[in-house]
Protein backbone atom coordinates (compact mmCIF):
# COMPACT_ATOMS: atom_id res chain seq x y z
CA MET A 1 0.00 0.00 0.00
CA ALA A 2 2.86 2.32 0.88
CA TYR A 3 4.47 1.66 -2.52
CA LEU A 4 1.17 2.53 -4.24
CA HIS A 5 0.97 5.80 -2.31
CA VAL A 6 4.52 6.76 -3.35
CA PHE A 7 3.81 5.79 -6.95
CA LEU A 8 0.64 7.90 -7.09
CA SER A 9 2.48 10.83 -5.51
CA LEU A 10 5.16 10.67 -8.19
CA ILE A 11 2.50 10.66 -10.90
CA CYS A 12 0.87 13.75 -9.38
CA LEU A 13 4.20 15.55 -9.22
CA SER A 14 5.00 14.71 -12.82
CA GLN A 15 1.63 16.09 -13.93
CA ALA A 16 1.79 19.25 -11.84
CA VAL A 17 1.77 22.45 -13.85
CA LEU A 18 4.25 25.24 -13.10
CA TYR A 19 1.54 27.88 -12.93
CA ASP A 20 -1.88 26.77 -11.75
CA TYR A 21 -4.31 29.62 -12.38
CA SER A 22 -6.40 28.56 -9.37
CA SER A 23 -3.55 29.20 -6.94
CA THR A 24 -1.10 31.67 -8.49
CA SER A 25 -0.92 35.45 -8.64
CA VAL A 26 0.47 35.62 -12.18
CA HIS A 27 -1.59 36.55 -15.23
CA ILE A 28 -1.96 33.45 -17.40
CA LEU A 29 -1.39 34.85 -20.88
CA THR A 30 -2.51 33.34 -24.17
CA SER A 31 -2.72 34.36 -27.81
CA GLN A 32 -6.24 35.59 -27.05
CA ASN A 33 -5.42 37.94 -24.17
CA PHE A 34 -1.74 38.91 -24.58
CA ASP A 35 -2.44 41.98 -26.69
CA LYS A 36 -5.08 43.31 -24.30
CA GLN A 37 -3.19 42.57 -21.09
CA VAL A 38 0.29 43.61 -22.22
CA THR A 39 0.58 45.44 -25.55
CA ARG A 40 -2.39 47.77 -25.13
CA ARG A 41 -1.35 48.67 -21.61
CA ARG A 42 2.09 49.87 -22.59
CA ASP A 43 0.81 53.44 -22.52
CA LYS A 44 1.99 53.62 -18.90
CA TRP A 45 2.38 50.14 -17.39
CA VAL A 46 5.43 47.87 -17.12
CA SER A 47 4.89 44.18 -17.82
CA VAL A 48 7.26 41.40 -16.77
CA ILE A 49 6.57 38.13 -18.61
CA HIS A 50 8.03 34.66 -18.04
CA PHE A 51 8.09 32.44 -21.14
CA TYR A 52 8.50 28.80 -20.13
CA LYS A 53 7.96 25.13 -20.91
CA GLU A 54 6.36 22.71 -18.47
CA LYS A 55 9.00 19.96 -18.52
CA ASP A 56 12.02 22.24 -18.75
CA SER A 57 14.10 22.02 -15.56
CA ARG A 58 15.30 25.65 -15.71
CA SER A 59 11.71 26.82 -16.26
CA LYS A 60 10.68 24.97 -13.11
CA ILE A 61 13.41 26.59 -11.01
CA GLN A 62 12.58 30.05 -12.32
CA ALA A 63 8.83 29.53 -11.85
CA GLU A 64 9.23 29.06 -8.10
CA GLU A 65 10.88 32.47 -7.74
CA PHE A 66 8.64 34.09 -10.34
CA ASN A 67 5.61 33.07 -8.29
CA HIS A 68 7.15 34.89 -5.31
CA PHE A 69 7.75 37.92 -7.50
CA ALA A 70 4.10 37.93 -8.62
CA ASP A 71 2.82 37.58 -5.05
CA GLU A 72 4.88 40.60 -3.97
CA TRP A 73 4.64 42.86 -7.02
CA GLN A 74 1.47 42.09 -8.99
CA GLY A 75 -0.26 45.43 -9.45
CA VAL A 76 2.94 47.45 -9.38
CA PHE A 77 3.87 45.54 -12.54
CA ILE A 78 1.79 43.37 -14.83
CA VAL A 79 3.31 39.99 -14.01
CA GLY A 80 2.40 37.33 -16.53
CA VAL A 81 3.46 33.95 -17.91
CA VAL A 82 3.24 32.24 -21.29
CA ASN A 83 3.41 28.47 -21.75
CA CYS A 84 5.45 27.98 -24.92
CA ASP A 85 4.36 24.35 -25.17
CA THR A 86 0.73 25.28 -25.78
CA HIS A 87 1.20 28.81 -27.13
CA TYR A 88 4.29 28.34 -29.31
CA GLU A 89 2.97 30.76 -31.96
CA LEU A 90 2.72 33.52 -29.37
CA CYS A 91 6.26 32.78 -28.17
CA GLU A 92 7.46 32.91 -31.75
CA ALA A 93 5.66 36.20 -32.34
CA GLN A 94 7.37 37.62 -29.22
CA ASP A 95 10.77 36.56 -30.61
CA ILE A 96 11.47 33.98 -27.91
CA ARG A 97 14.55 32.18 -29.16
CA GLU A 98 15.41 30.30 -25.99
CA VAL A 99 13.22 29.02 -23.16
CA PRO A 100 12.97 29.95 -20.37
CA ALA A 101 13.11 33.70 -20.93
CA ILE A 102 11.92 36.74 -19.00
CA LYS A 103 10.99 39.81 -20.99
CA VAL A 104 10.21 43.30 -19.74
CA TYR A 105 7.69 45.38 -21.69
CA PRO A 106 8.13 49.04 -20.62
CA PRO A 107 5.84 51.93 -21.58
CA PHE A 108 6.23 53.16 -25.15
CA PRO A 109 8.49 54.24 -26.78
CA ALA A 110 11.08 52.25 -24.78
CA PRO A 111 11.88 48.92 -26.49
CA VAL A 112 11.07 45.49 -25.12
CA GLY A 113 14.10 43.89 -23.48
CA VAL A 114 15.20 40.46 -22.27
CA TYR A 115 15.94 40.35 -18.56
CA GLU A 116 19.27 38.60 -18.05
CA GLY A 117 19.90 39.21 -14.36
CA GLU A 118 19.47 37.02 -11.32
CA VAL A 119 16.03 35.43 -11.18
CA THR A 120 14.94 36.58 -7.75
CA SER A 121 12.02 38.73 -6.77
CA LYS A 122 14.33 41.44 -5.44
CA ALA A 123 16.53 41.58 -8.55
CA ILE A 124 13.66 41.49 -11.07
CA SER A 125 11.70 44.21 -9.26
CA ALA A 126 14.78 46.45 -9.00
CA TYR A 127 15.38 46.15 -12.74
CA ALA A 128 11.75 46.64 -13.82
CA ALA A 129 11.21 49.56 -11.42
CA LYS A 130 13.47 51.73 -13.58
CA PHE A 131 10.78 51.81 -16.27
CA ILE A 132 7.83 52.88 -14.09
CA PRO A 133 6.78 56.46 -14.86
CA SER A 134 6.20 58.72 -11.87
CA TYR A 135 3.56 61.38 -11.31
CA VAL A 136 4.78 62.06 -7.78
CA ILE A 137 5.50 65.70 -6.94
CA GLU A 138 8.45 66.51 -4.69
CA LEU A 139 7.15 68.76 -1.92
CA SER A 140 9.14 71.29 0.07
CA ASN A 141 8.52 74.03 2.62
CA GLU A 142 8.05 76.41 -0.31
CA ASN A 143 5.55 74.53 -2.51
CA TYR A 144 3.53 72.17 -0.31
CA GLN A 145 0.77 74.72 0.36
CA THR A 146 0.33 75.37 -3.37
CA PHE A 147 0.10 71.62 -3.93
CA LEU A 148 -2.64 71.28 -1.31
CA GLU A 149 -4.69 74.17 -2.67
CA ASP A 150 -4.46 73.26 -6.37
CA LYS A 151 -7.78 71.97 -7.78
CA PRO A 152 -9.58 71.75 -4.42
CA ALA A 153 -11.95 68.93 -5.44
CA VAL A 154 -9.09 66.56 -6.30
CA PRO A 155 -7.82 64.46 -3.33
CA LYS A 156 -4.13 64.81 -2.44
CA VAL A 157 -2.08 61.82 -1.30
CA LEU A 158 0.99 62.58 0.81
CA LEU A 159 3.79 60.19 1.69
CA PHE A 160 6.02 61.29 4.57
CA THR A 161 9.32 59.42 4.43
CA GLU A 162 12.89 59.41 5.69
CA LYS A 163 14.17 57.91 2.44
CA SER A 164 15.67 59.97 -0.37
CA SER A 165 14.13 58.00 -3.24
CA VAL A 166 10.51 57.58 -4.37
CA PRO A 167 9.30 54.08 -3.42
CA THR A 168 8.43 51.89 -6.38
CA LEU A 169 4.94 51.10 -5.14
CA TYR A 170 4.23 54.81 -4.60
CA LYS A 171 5.21 55.59 -8.20
CA ALA A 172 2.92 52.79 -9.36
CA LEU A 173 0.04 54.18 -7.29
CA SER A 174 0.54 57.60 -8.88
CA VAL A 175 0.21 55.93 -12.28
CA ALA A 176 -2.91 53.98 -11.27
CA PHE A 177 -4.70 57.11 -10.00
CA GLU A 178 -3.17 59.55 -12.47
CA SER A 179 -6.42 61.31 -13.40
CA LYS A 180 -8.10 60.97 -10.02
CA MET A 181 -5.60 62.05 -7.35
CA PHE A 182 -2.45 64.12 -6.90
CA PHE A 183 0.54 62.43 -5.25
CA GLY A 184 3.15 64.28 -3.24
CA ILE A 185 6.18 63.13 -1.25
CA VAL A 186 7.47 64.90 1.85
CA ARG A 187 11.01 64.31 3.12
CA GLN A 188 12.11 64.43 6.73
CA GLU A 189 13.71 67.86 6.26
CA ASP A 190 10.49 69.45 4.97
CA THR A 191 9.48 70.58 8.44
CA GLU A 192 6.58 72.88 7.54
CA ALA A 193 4.42 70.13 6.05
CA ILE A 194 5.44 67.75 8.83
CA LYS A 195 4.39 70.33 11.41
CA LYS A 196 1.06 71.05 9.67
CA PHE A 197 0.05 67.40 9.64
CA LYS A 198 1.63 66.60 13.05
CA ILE A 199 3.76 63.75 11.72
CA LYS A 200 5.61 61.93 14.52
CA GLN A 201 6.83 58.81 12.73
CA PHE A 202 7.78 57.61 9.25
CA PRO A 203 6.62 56.36 6.85
CA LYS A 204 3.14 57.84 6.96
CA ILE A 205 0.50 58.10 4.21
CA LEU A 206 -2.28 60.67 4.41
CA LEU A 207 -5.19 61.53 2.16
CA TYR A 208 -6.06 65.22 2.20
CA LYS A 209 -9.26 66.75 0.82
CA THR A 210 -8.88 70.46 0.27
CA VAL A 211 -12.61 71.16 -0.04
CA ASP A 212 -13.20 70.39 3.63
CA ALA A 213 -9.60 70.38 4.92
CA LYS A 214 -10.16 66.78 5.96
CA THR A 215 -7.24 64.42 6.54
CA THR A 216 -7.49 60.62 6.58
CA GLU A 217 -4.59 58.43 7.70
CA TYR A 218 -3.75 55.10 6.10
CA LYS A 219 -3.22 52.51 8.85
CA GLY A 220 -2.75 49.29 6.91
CA GLU A 221 0.29 47.39 5.63
CA ILE A 222 2.67 49.22 3.31
CA LYS A 223 1.77 47.01 0.39
CA TYR A 224 0.53 48.04 -3.03
CA ARG A 225 -2.76 46.15 -3.09
CA SER A 226 -3.80 47.26 0.41
CA ILE A 227 -3.03 50.91 -0.29
CA PHE A 228 -4.65 50.74 -3.73
CA GLU A 229 -7.93 49.43 -2.31
CA TRP A 230 -7.93 52.10 0.41
CA LEU A 231 -7.35 54.90 -2.10
CA ASN A 232 -9.84 53.44 -4.56
CA VAL A 233 -12.70 53.81 -2.09
CA HIS A 234 -11.93 57.51 -1.77
CA SER A 235 -11.22 58.15 -5.45
CA GLU A 236 -14.55 56.72 -6.54
CA THR A 237 -16.47 59.46 -4.70
CA PHE A 238 -14.92 62.03 -7.06
CA VAL A 239 -15.70 62.64 -10.71
CA HIS A 240 -13.57 64.21 -13.43
CA GLY A 241 -13.61 67.94 -13.92
CA GLY A 242 -13.07 68.96 -10.33
CA THR A 243 -16.52 68.29 -8.88
CA GLU A 244 -17.19 66.07 -5.94
CA GLU A 245 -20.13 63.74 -5.61
CA SER A 246 -20.65 62.06 -2.27
CA SER A 247 -21.42 58.38 -1.89
CA SER A 248 -24.93 59.40 -0.81
CA THR A 249 -25.43 60.93 -4.28
CA LYS A 250 -24.00 57.91 -6.06
CA SER A 251 -24.62 55.13 -3.58
CA TRP A 252 -23.85 52.47 -6.19
CA ILE A 253 -20.18 53.48 -6.16
CA VAL A 254 -19.57 52.07 -2.68
CA GLU A 255 -22.15 49.28 -2.59
CA ALA A 256 -20.83 45.72 -2.76
CA LEU A 257 -23.71 44.64 -5.02
CA PRO A 258 -25.30 47.72 -6.62
CA GLN A 259 -28.21 47.71 -9.03
CA LEU A 260 -27.37 48.06 -12.72
CA HIS A 261 -29.62 50.80 -14.12
CA ARG A 262 -29.38 53.83 -16.39
CA LEU A 263 -27.74 56.08 -13.80
CA SER A 264 -25.23 53.55 -12.45
CA ALA A 265 -24.22 51.73 -15.66
CA ASP A 266 -21.28 53.96 -16.65
CA ASP A 267 -19.83 54.06 -13.11
CA ILE A 268 -19.96 50.35 -12.36
CA CYS A 269 -19.70 48.70 -15.79
CA TYR A 270 -19.81 50.47 -19.16
CA LYS A 271 -16.96 52.94 -18.70
CA GLN A 272 -14.83 50.82 -16.38
CA GLU A 273 -12.01 48.37 -17.12
CA VAL A 274 -13.87 45.55 -15.37
CA LEU A 275 -15.60 42.28 -16.01
CA CYS A 276 -19.23 43.00 -15.10
CA GLY A 277 -20.72 40.18 -13.04
CA ILE A 278 -24.50 40.61 -13.39
CA PHE A 279 -27.00 38.70 -11.26
CA PHE A 280 -30.43 38.55 -12.92
CA LEU A 281 -32.98 38.88 -10.12
CA ASN A 282 -36.69 39.50 -9.64
CA SER A 283 -36.10 41.38 -6.40
CA PRO A 284 -33.18 43.07 -4.59
CA PRO A 285 -30.38 40.71 -3.48
CA ASN A 286 -30.42 39.25 0.02
CA ASP A 287 -27.58 39.59 2.53
CA SER A 288 -26.18 36.18 1.65
CA LEU A 289 -25.70 37.08 -2.03
CA ILE A 290 -24.24 40.47 -1.15
CA ASN A 291 -21.71 38.83 1.17
CA THR A 292 -20.83 36.28 -1.50
CA ALA A 293 -20.12 39.04 -4.04
CA LYS A 294 -18.02 40.90 -1.50
CA GLU A 295 -15.97 37.84 -0.57
CA VAL A 296 -15.27 36.86 -4.17
CA VAL A 297 -14.04 40.37 -4.98
CA ASN A 298 -11.79 40.29 -1.92
CA ILE A 299 -10.30 36.93 -2.90
CA ILE A 300 -9.74 37.86 -6.55
CA GLY A 301 -8.40 41.31 -5.74
CA LYS A 302 -6.04 40.43 -2.91
CA ASN A 303 -4.77 36.98 -3.72
CA LYS A 304 -5.45 36.12 -7.32
CA ASP A 305 -4.97 39.17 -9.46
CA ARG A 306 -4.38 37.52 -12.81
CA GLY A 307 -5.48 40.05 -15.40
CA VAL A 308 -9.16 40.50 -14.61
CA SER A 309 -10.96 42.96 -12.32
CA VAL A 310 -14.52 42.07 -11.39
CA LYS A 311 -17.40 44.26 -10.30
CA PHE A 312 -20.66 42.58 -9.26
CA MET A 313 -24.10 44.10 -9.77
CA TRP A 314 -27.71 42.98 -10.08
CA LEU A 315 -30.35 43.59 -12.74
CA ASP A 316 -34.06 43.97 -12.01
CA LEU A 317 -35.72 41.58 -14.47
CA SER A 318 -39.14 43.15 -14.00
CA ALA A 319 -37.80 46.57 -15.04
CA ASP A 320 -35.24 45.57 -17.70
CA LYS A 321 -36.62 42.53 -19.48
CA ALA A 322 -35.56 43.83 -22.92
CA PHE A 323 -31.98 44.13 -21.68
CA ALA A 324 -32.08 40.64 -20.16
CA ASP A 325 -33.48 39.13 -23.38
CA LYS A 326 -30.19 39.99 -25.12
CA PHE A 327 -28.53 37.30 -22.99
CA GLU A 328 -29.81 34.13 -24.63
CA GLY A 329 -30.81 31.36 -22.26
CA VAL A 330 -30.45 33.50 -19.13
CA GLY A 331 -33.18 33.77 -16.51
CA ALA A 332 -33.89 34.62 -12.91
CA GLY A 333 -31.11 33.62 -10.54
CA ASN A 334 -28.45 33.35 -13.25
CA LEU A 335 -25.10 35.11 -13.18
CA VAL A 336 -23.31 36.30 -16.33
CA PHE A 337 -19.96 37.98 -16.83
CA LEU A 338 -20.25 40.77 -19.40
CA LYS A 339 -17.43 42.33 -21.40
CA TYR A 340 -19.02 45.55 -22.55
CA GLY A 341 -17.81 47.31 -25.69
CA LYS A 342 -18.38 47.72 -29.40
CA ARG A 343 -18.83 43.97 -29.56
CA SER A 344 -20.31 43.09 -26.19
CA ARG A 345 -20.10 39.46 -25.16
CA PHE A 346 -20.74 37.38 -22.09
CA VAL A 347 -19.96 34.16 -20.28
CA LEU A 348 -22.79 32.36 -18.52
CA HIS A 349 -21.79 31.10 -15.08
CA GLY A 350 -22.93 27.51 -15.13
CA GLY A 351 -22.52 26.57 -11.46
CA ASP A 352 -24.35 27.58 -8.32
CA ASN A 353 -23.90 31.01 -6.80
CA ALA A 354 -21.47 29.88 -4.11
CA GLU A 355 -18.09 31.59 -3.71
CA ALA A 356 -16.01 28.64 -4.91
CA ALA A 357 -18.10 28.06 -8.04
CA ILE A 358 -18.09 31.73 -9.03
CA GLU A 359 -14.36 31.94 -8.42
CA THR A 360 -13.81 28.93 -10.69
CA THR A 361 -15.66 30.65 -13.55
CA ILE A 362 -13.61 33.82 -13.09
CA ASN A 363 -10.42 31.76 -13.11
CA LYS A 364 -11.42 30.19 -16.42
CA ILE A 365 -12.08 33.60 -17.95
CA SER A 366 -8.77 34.91 -16.61
CA GLY A 367 -6.94 31.89 -18.02
CA GLY A 368 -8.45 32.34 -21.48
CA ASP A 369 -10.81 29.38 -21.16
CA GLY A 370 -14.05 31.32 -20.81
CA LYS A 371 -16.59 30.53 -23.54
CA PHE A 372 -17.87 33.95 -24.55
CA ILE A 373 -21.15 34.38 -26.43
CA ASN A 374 -21.49 37.42 -28.69
CA ILE A 375 -24.49 39.67 -28.03
CA LYS A 376 -26.37 40.43 -31.24
CA GLY A 377 -26.92 44.13 -31.80
CA ASN A 378 -26.64 46.89 -29.23
CA LEU A 379 -27.79 46.51 -25.68
CA PRO A 380 -31.01 48.48 -25.10
CA ASP A 381 -31.14 51.42 -22.72
CA LEU A 382 -31.58 50.46 -19.10
CA SER A 383 -34.44 51.82 -17.04
CA PHE A 384 -34.08 54.44 -14.35
CA PRO A 385 -34.19 53.22 -10.73
CA LYS A 386 -37.75 53.37 -9.41
CA SER A 387 -37.06 56.30 -7.07
CA ASN A 388 -35.81 58.38 -10.04
CA LYS A 389 -38.60 57.76 -12.52
């Protein structure tokens, strides 16, 4: 019996994949999603891609460290992998002459380069960080007040630090919120700003809103994803053009499972870089479904960021039957994942509405295995929420 157990274990090990999309933080890239996830995002993002083969011994060694790199730096960089066994045409198109290979795709017009340094998370991140653009403003005793007062409706993020450089994750945050927030950095010697905000220890991150002179302190871990999520909550209560709209005016912005209707559609789906998870319901969602949506977003966002951002919402079938009819075969209780655009398409979630089943469907979509159905014609206008009719 013991021999059988060892034999079966060896079989499992031999069949294990280097990057399992159900348990890794890397983006699983294919011929179908490489252009969208990497090429089209070279306007301002840096991508670090590992090209590998499953049974290659060097690929296996590098994959272990590359997984660590993705866990630590996904979000700051786009960290992805391409299996050259199954996607050899993509590897050929990306001029991969030897496997394994790590390539860095910096923002245009900088050329794509092969990373030839030590394959460790620390070394790779140090190399790739050189290509991250920065929208961080150096603040001093002379200019900090001007920074705070400029465009009063735009939130200001301030990092107080003892270090002389701009942290990589802070530069990446300034890129992520480029059109929504202003980022400033205050050094230890800039005593006026330190005195104004009563800073006693470093590092410290504050969010300042000029319109009401309100300051909010970040108290979480100094990690990209945690800070991003904290800032995102605040940024979503502001709209472009310097006007502020509170969450009471646009309640759907902060709701875990908002209703999809004519007023909310742009904010939660149509004009967002998200996969729209739509529950088709005859009545508002119960607490259990709301908690499920919230937990799935937390899991995907914090631990399994592999090239897809998800926002959940619900559609009132009684009010928007014409909209629902565009999704063939979908009825009450179903969940679909919509990619909205010139050619809108969707994936029907085939399992139950439990966290694990929904997560599995999202993983398939992220890995390029989602079976999308094209929506014929344009989606009809949604109805107004009942209180606004």
